[in-house]
Amino acid sequence: MRTINLEHNLPSLDEARRRLLVQMEAARRDGDRVLKVVHGYGSSGSGGVLCTGIRKSLRLRVKEGKAICVVPGERFSTDANEARDLLKRHPSLRGDRDLNRQNPGITLVELAL
């Protein structure tokens, strides 16, 4: 799994989206199938611009066929169906420190080949 930190240097949403697309293509080219996207959750505790915008962008990548699934960090749990399905396809994710931590500052995305 490749981790990308989109909140580094506090980019605008547009810049973070551009970085996300570049990193998704690089990961696909390198054969990485799962990305952990660190976007933060916002200092207000109610979800930030990056969190909302990046998740929307990732859902669009699923519709375009560039990604298979998107799992918000708060659903990256052995109790959630979408996370269990992802773990079946990528068992190495069971060792990830964010599993079962309900971290709203991350999102996992499985890339299509």
N, C-alpha and C. Protein backbone atom coordinates (compact mmCIF):
# COMPACT_ATOMS: atom_id res chain seq x y z
N MET A 1 0.85 -1.17 0.00
CA MET A 1 0.00 0.00 0.00
C MET A 1 0.89 1.23 0.00
N ARG A 2 0.51 2.19 -0.79
CA ARG A 2 1.22 3.47 -0.86
C ARG A 2 0.43 4.50 -0.08
N THR A 3 1.12 5.32 0.70
CA THR A 3 0.48 6.40 1.45
C THR A 3 0.85 7.73 0.82
N ILE A 4 -0.15 8.57 0.61
CA ILE A 4 0.12 9.92 0.12
C ILE A 4 -0.50 10.92 1.09
N ASN A 5 0.28 11.94 1.42
CA ASN A 5 -0.16 12.93 2.38
C ASN A 5 -0.54 14.20 1.63
N LEU A 6 -1.84 14.39 1.45
CA LEU A 6 -2.32 15.56 0.71
C LEU A 6 -2.44 16.79 1.58
N GLU A 7 -2.37 16.65 2.89
CA GLU A 7 -2.47 17.83 3.73
C GLU A 7 -1.11 18.50 3.96
N HIS A 8 -0.03 17.85 3.53
CA HIS A 8 1.31 18.41 3.67
C HIS A 8 1.39 19.75 2.95
N ASN A 9 1.91 20.76 3.61
CA ASN A 9 2.05 22.12 3.08
C ASN A 9 0.71 22.84 2.89
N LEU A 10 -0.36 22.30 3.43
CA LEU A 10 -1.68 22.94 3.41
C LEU A 10 -2.10 23.44 2.02
N PRO A 11 -2.22 22.54 1.06
CA PRO A 11 -2.57 22.96 -0.30
C PRO A 11 -4.04 23.37 -0.39
N SER A 12 -4.37 24.07 -1.46
CA SER A 12 -5.77 24.34 -1.77
C SER A 12 -6.40 23.02 -2.21
N LEU A 13 -7.71 22.98 -2.26
CA LEU A 13 -8.40 21.77 -2.71
C LEU A 13 -8.00 21.44 -4.15
N ASP A 14 -7.93 22.44 -5.01
CA ASP A 14 -7.55 22.18 -6.41
C ASP A 14 -6.15 21.58 -6.51
N GLU A 15 -5.21 22.13 -5.74
CA GLU A 15 -3.85 21.60 -5.75
C GLU A 15 -3.82 20.17 -5.20
N ALA A 16 -4.56 19.92 -4.13
CA ALA A 16 -4.62 18.57 -3.55
C ALA A 16 -5.21 17.58 -4.55
N ARG A 17 -6.23 17.98 -5.28
CA ARG A 17 -6.81 17.10 -6.32
C ARG A 17 -5.79 16.80 -7.40
N ARG A 18 -5.05 17.80 -7.83
CA ARG A 18 -4.01 17.57 -8.86
C ARG A 18 -2.97 16.58 -8.34
N ARG A 19 -2.52 16.78 -7.10
CA ARG A 19 -1.54 15.87 -6.51
C ARG A 19 -2.10 14.46 -6.41
N LEU A 20 -3.37 14.35 -6.04
CA LEU A 20 -4.01 13.04 -5.94
C LEU A 20 -3.99 12.32 -7.28
N LEU A 21 -4.39 13.00 -8.34
CA LEU A 21 -4.43 12.37 -9.66
C LEU A 21 -3.05 11.93 -10.12
N VAL A 22 -2.05 12.76 -9.88
CA VAL A 22 -0.67 12.41 -10.25
C VAL A 22 -0.22 11.17 -9.48
N GLN A 23 -0.51 11.15 -8.17
CA GLN A 23 -0.11 10.02 -7.34
C GLN A 23 -0.86 8.74 -7.70
N MET A 24 -2.13 8.87 -8.06
CA MET A 24 -2.89 7.69 -8.48
C MET A 24 -2.28 7.08 -9.74
N GLU A 25 -1.91 7.91 -10.69
CA GLU A 25 -1.28 7.41 -11.92
C GLU A 25 0.07 6.79 -11.63
N ALA A 26 0.86 7.41 -10.76
CA ALA A 26 2.17 6.86 -10.41
C ALA A 26 2.01 5.51 -9.71
N ALA A 27 1.05 5.41 -8.82
CA ALA A 27 0.82 4.15 -8.11
C ALA A 27 0.39 3.06 -9.08
N ARG A 28 -0.52 3.40 -9.98
CA ARG A 28 -0.98 2.43 -10.98
C ARG A 28 0.18 1.96 -11.84
N ARG A 29 1.01 2.90 -12.26
CA ARG A 29 2.18 2.58 -13.10
C ARG A 29 3.16 1.68 -12.36
N ASP A 30 3.30 1.89 -11.04
CA ASP A 30 4.22 1.10 -10.23
C ASP A 30 3.63 -0.21 -9.74
N GLY A 31 2.35 -0.45 -10.04
CA GLY A 31 1.71 -1.69 -9.64
C GLY A 31 1.12 -1.69 -8.24
N ASP A 32 1.07 -0.52 -7.60
CA ASP A 32 0.43 -0.44 -6.28
C ASP A 32 -1.08 -0.46 -6.48
N ARG A 33 -1.76 -1.27 -5.71
CA ARG A 33 -3.21 -1.42 -5.88
C ARG A 33 -4.03 -0.63 -4.87
N VAL A 34 -3.43 -0.29 -3.73
CA VAL A 34 -4.18 0.41 -2.69
C VAL A 34 -3.41 1.66 -2.26
N LEU A 35 -4.13 2.76 -2.16
CA LEU A 35 -3.57 4.01 -1.67
C LEU A 35 -4.24 4.38 -0.36
N LYS A 36 -3.44 4.83 0.59
CA LYS A 36 -4.00 5.46 1.79
C LYS A 36 -3.79 6.95 1.58
N VAL A 37 -4.88 7.68 1.51
CA VAL A 37 -4.83 9.11 1.27
C VAL A 37 -5.02 9.83 2.60
N VAL A 38 -4.02 10.59 3.01
CA VAL A 38 -4.10 11.38 4.23
C VAL A 38 -4.53 12.79 3.82
N HIS A 39 -5.73 13.17 4.25
CA HIS A 39 -6.26 14.48 3.88
C HIS A 39 -6.65 15.31 5.10
N GLY A 40 -6.57 14.72 6.28
CA GLY A 40 -6.98 15.42 7.49
C GLY A 40 -8.50 15.49 7.58
N TYR A 41 -8.95 16.01 8.72
CA TYR A 41 -10.39 16.09 8.95
C TYR A 41 -10.86 17.51 9.22
N GLY A 42 -9.96 18.43 9.32
CA GLY A 42 -10.35 19.81 9.58
C GLY A 42 -10.18 20.15 11.05
N SER A 43 -9.68 21.32 11.32
CA SER A 43 -9.42 21.72 12.70
C SER A 43 -10.69 21.97 13.49
N SER A 44 -11.83 22.15 12.79
CA SER A 44 -13.09 22.39 13.50
C SER A 44 -13.67 21.11 14.08
N GLY A 45 -13.16 19.96 13.60
CA GLY A 45 -13.71 18.68 14.06
C GLY A 45 -14.97 18.28 13.32
N SER A 46 -15.38 19.07 12.34
CA SER A 46 -16.61 18.76 11.60
C SER A 46 -16.33 18.41 10.14
N GLY A 47 -15.10 18.12 9.82
CA GLY A 47 -14.75 17.76 8.45
C GLY A 47 -14.26 18.98 7.70
N GLY A 48 -13.13 18.86 7.07
CA GLY A 48 -12.55 19.99 6.37
C GLY A 48 -12.81 19.96 4.89
N VAL A 49 -12.36 21.02 4.24
CA VAL A 49 -12.53 21.17 2.80
C VAL A 49 -11.82 20.04 2.06
N LEU A 50 -10.58 19.72 2.47
CA LEU A 50 -9.84 18.65 1.80
C LEU A 50 -10.54 17.31 1.96
N CYS A 51 -10.97 17.00 3.16
CA CYS A 51 -11.63 15.72 3.43
C CYS A 51 -12.83 15.54 2.50
N THR A 52 -13.70 16.50 2.50
CA THR A 52 -14.92 16.42 1.69
C THR A 52 -14.60 16.39 0.20
N GLY A 53 -13.75 17.30 -0.24
CA GLY A 53 -13.43 17.40 -1.67
C GLY A 53 -12.67 16.20 -2.20
N ILE A 54 -11.72 15.69 -1.44
CA ILE A 54 -10.92 14.54 -1.89
C ILE A 54 -11.80 13.29 -1.95
N ARG A 55 -12.65 13.10 -0.97
CA ARG A 55 -13.54 11.94 -1.00
C ARG A 55 -14.49 12.00 -2.19
N LYS A 56 -14.98 13.18 -2.50
CA LYS A 56 -15.86 13.34 -3.67
C LYS A 56 -15.08 13.00 -4.94
N SER A 57 -13.84 13.48 -5.02
CA SER A 57 -13.01 13.19 -6.18
C SER A 57 -12.74 11.69 -6.32
N LEU A 58 -12.49 11.02 -5.19
CA LEU A 58 -12.25 9.58 -5.24
C LEU A 58 -13.49 8.81 -5.68
N ARG A 59 -14.66 9.23 -5.24
CA ARG A 59 -15.89 8.57 -5.69
C ARG A 59 -16.09 8.74 -7.19
N LEU A 60 -15.69 9.89 -7.73
CA LEU A 60 -15.76 10.10 -9.17
C LEU A 60 -14.80 9.17 -9.91
N ARG A 61 -13.64 8.89 -9.31
CA ARG A 61 -12.69 7.95 -9.94
C ARG A 61 -13.28 6.55 -10.02
N VAL A 62 -14.13 6.18 -9.04
CA VAL A 62 -14.81 4.88 -9.10
C VAL A 62 -15.77 4.89 -10.27
N LYS A 63 -16.55 5.95 -10.42
CA LYS A 63 -17.51 6.05 -11.53
C LYS A 63 -16.80 6.01 -12.88
N GLU A 64 -15.60 6.58 -12.95
CA GLU A 64 -14.82 6.59 -14.19
C GLU A 64 -14.13 5.26 -14.47
N GLY A 65 -14.13 4.36 -13.48
CA GLY A 65 -13.47 3.08 -13.64
C GLY A 65 -11.99 3.09 -13.31
N LYS A 66 -11.50 4.19 -12.74
CA LYS A 66 -10.08 4.28 -12.37
C LYS A 66 -9.82 3.73 -10.98
N ALA A 67 -10.87 3.54 -10.20
CA ALA A 67 -10.76 2.97 -8.86
C ALA A 67 -11.88 1.96 -8.69
N ILE A 68 -11.64 0.97 -7.83
CA ILE A 68 -12.62 -0.08 -7.57
C ILE A 68 -13.50 0.28 -6.39
N CYS A 69 -12.88 0.76 -5.33
CA CYS A 69 -13.65 1.12 -4.14
C CYS A 69 -12.95 2.18 -3.33
N VAL A 70 -13.74 2.88 -2.53
CA VAL A 70 -13.25 3.92 -1.63
C VAL A 70 -13.76 3.57 -0.24
N VAL A 71 -12.84 3.54 0.73
CA VAL A 71 -13.21 3.22 2.11
C VAL A 71 -12.78 4.38 3.01
N PRO A 72 -13.74 5.17 3.50
CA PRO A 72 -13.39 6.25 4.43
C PRO A 72 -12.73 5.67 5.67
N GLY A 73 -11.80 6.41 6.25
CA GLY A 73 -11.06 5.93 7.41
C GLY A 73 -11.94 5.50 8.56
N GLU A 74 -13.06 6.19 8.76
CA GLU A 74 -13.95 5.82 9.85
C GLU A 74 -14.69 4.51 9.58
N ARG A 75 -14.63 4.02 8.33
CA ARG A 75 -15.22 2.73 7.96
C ARG A 75 -14.16 1.66 7.71
N PHE A 76 -12.89 2.01 7.91
CA PHE A 76 -11.80 1.04 7.73
C PHE A 76 -11.72 0.19 9.00
N SER A 77 -12.67 -0.72 9.08
CA SER A 77 -12.88 -1.52 10.29
C SER A 77 -13.33 -2.92 9.90
N THR A 78 -12.95 -3.88 10.70
CA THR A 78 -13.39 -5.24 10.44
C THR A 78 -14.89 -5.40 10.65
N ASP A 79 -15.55 -4.37 11.15
CA ASP A 79 -17.00 -4.38 11.31
C ASP A 79 -17.74 -3.87 10.07
N ALA A 80 -17.03 -3.27 9.12
CA ALA A 80 -17.64 -2.66 7.94
C ALA A 80 -17.47 -3.56 6.72
N ASN A 81 -18.56 -3.78 6.00
CA ASN A 81 -18.53 -4.67 4.83
C ASN A 81 -17.49 -4.26 3.80
N GLU A 82 -17.45 -2.97 3.44
CA GLU A 82 -16.53 -2.54 2.39
C GLU A 82 -15.07 -2.74 2.80
N ALA A 83 -14.77 -2.56 4.09
CA ALA A 83 -13.41 -2.78 4.57
C ALA A 83 -13.09 -4.28 4.60
N ARG A 84 -14.05 -5.10 5.02
CA ARG A 84 -13.81 -6.55 5.02
C ARG A 84 -13.55 -7.05 3.61
N ASP A 85 -14.30 -6.55 2.63
CA ASP A 85 -14.07 -6.95 1.24
C ASP A 85 -12.67 -6.53 0.78
N LEU A 86 -12.26 -5.32 1.14
CA LEU A 86 -10.93 -4.84 0.78
C LEU A 86 -9.86 -5.70 1.43
N LEU A 87 -10.05 -6.05 2.69
CA LEU A 87 -9.09 -6.89 3.41
C LEU A 87 -9.00 -8.29 2.80
N LYS A 88 -10.09 -8.82 2.29
CA LYS A 88 -10.05 -10.13 1.62
C LYS A 88 -9.17 -10.06 0.37
N ARG A 89 -9.30 -8.97 -0.39
CA ARG A 89 -8.52 -8.83 -1.61
C ARG A 89 -7.06 -8.45 -1.34
N HIS A 90 -6.83 -7.78 -0.19
CA HIS A 90 -5.48 -7.31 0.14
C HIS A 90 -5.20 -7.60 1.62
N PRO A 91 -4.94 -8.86 1.96
CA PRO A 91 -4.76 -9.26 3.36
C PRO A 91 -3.64 -8.52 4.09
N SER A 92 -2.66 -8.01 3.38
CA SER A 92 -1.57 -7.29 4.04
C SER A 92 -2.06 -6.03 4.76
N LEU A 93 -3.23 -5.54 4.39
CA LEU A 93 -3.79 -4.35 5.04
C LEU A 93 -4.17 -4.61 6.50
N ARG A 94 -4.28 -5.88 6.87
CA ARG A 94 -4.62 -6.20 8.26
C ARG A 94 -3.58 -5.67 9.24
N GLY A 95 -2.37 -5.45 8.77
CA GLY A 95 -1.32 -4.92 9.63
C GLY A 95 -1.26 -3.40 9.68
N ASP A 96 -2.15 -2.73 8.97
CA ASP A 96 -2.13 -1.27 8.95
C ASP A 96 -2.54 -0.69 10.29
N ARG A 97 -1.82 0.30 10.75
CA ARG A 97 -2.07 0.89 12.07
C ARG A 97 -3.42 1.59 12.17
N ASP A 98 -4.02 1.97 11.06
CA ASP A 98 -5.30 2.66 11.10
C ASP A 98 -6.51 1.72 11.08
N LEU A 99 -6.29 0.44 10.89
CA LEU A 99 -7.40 -0.51 10.91
C LEU A 99 -8.07 -0.49 12.28
N ASN A 100 -9.38 -0.36 12.28
CA ASN A 100 -10.22 -0.33 13.49
C ASN A 100 -10.00 0.92 14.36
N ARG A 101 -9.45 1.97 13.80
CA ARG A 101 -9.22 3.20 14.58
C ARG A 101 -10.21 4.31 14.24
N GLN A 102 -11.09 4.10 13.27
CA GLN A 102 -12.10 5.09 12.87
C GLN A 102 -11.47 6.47 12.65
N ASN A 103 -10.44 6.53 11.83
CA ASN A 103 -9.71 7.76 11.56
C ASN A 103 -10.35 8.51 10.40
N PRO A 104 -11.07 9.60 10.67
CA PRO A 104 -11.72 10.34 9.58
C PRO A 104 -10.76 11.18 8.75
N GLY A 105 -9.49 11.21 9.11
CA GLY A 105 -8.51 11.99 8.38
C GLY A 105 -7.85 11.24 7.24
N ILE A 106 -8.29 10.00 6.99
CA ILE A 106 -7.73 9.20 5.89
C ILE A 106 -8.86 8.59 5.07
N THR A 107 -8.50 8.18 3.87
CA THR A 107 -9.40 7.41 3.01
C THR A 107 -8.55 6.41 2.25
N LEU A 108 -9.02 5.17 2.15
CA LEU A 108 -8.32 4.17 1.35
C LEU A 108 -9.03 4.03 0.02
N VAL A 109 -8.25 3.84 -1.02
CA VAL A 109 -8.81 3.66 -2.36
C VAL A 109 -8.09 2.50 -3.03
N GLU A 110 -8.88 1.59 -3.59
CA GLU A 110 -8.33 0.48 -4.35
C GLU A 110 -8.36 0.88 -5.82
N LEU A 111 -7.20 0.87 -6.44
CA LEU A 111 -7.08 1.30 -7.82
C LEU A 111 -7.43 0.18 -8.79
N ALA A 112 -8.03 0.57 -9.90
CA ALA A 112 -8.30 -0.38 -10.98
C ALA A 112 -7.01 -0.50 -11.80
N LEU A 113 -6.81 -1.64 -12.40
CA LEU A 113 -5.61 -1.82 -13.24
C LEU A 113 -5.84 -1.28 -14.62
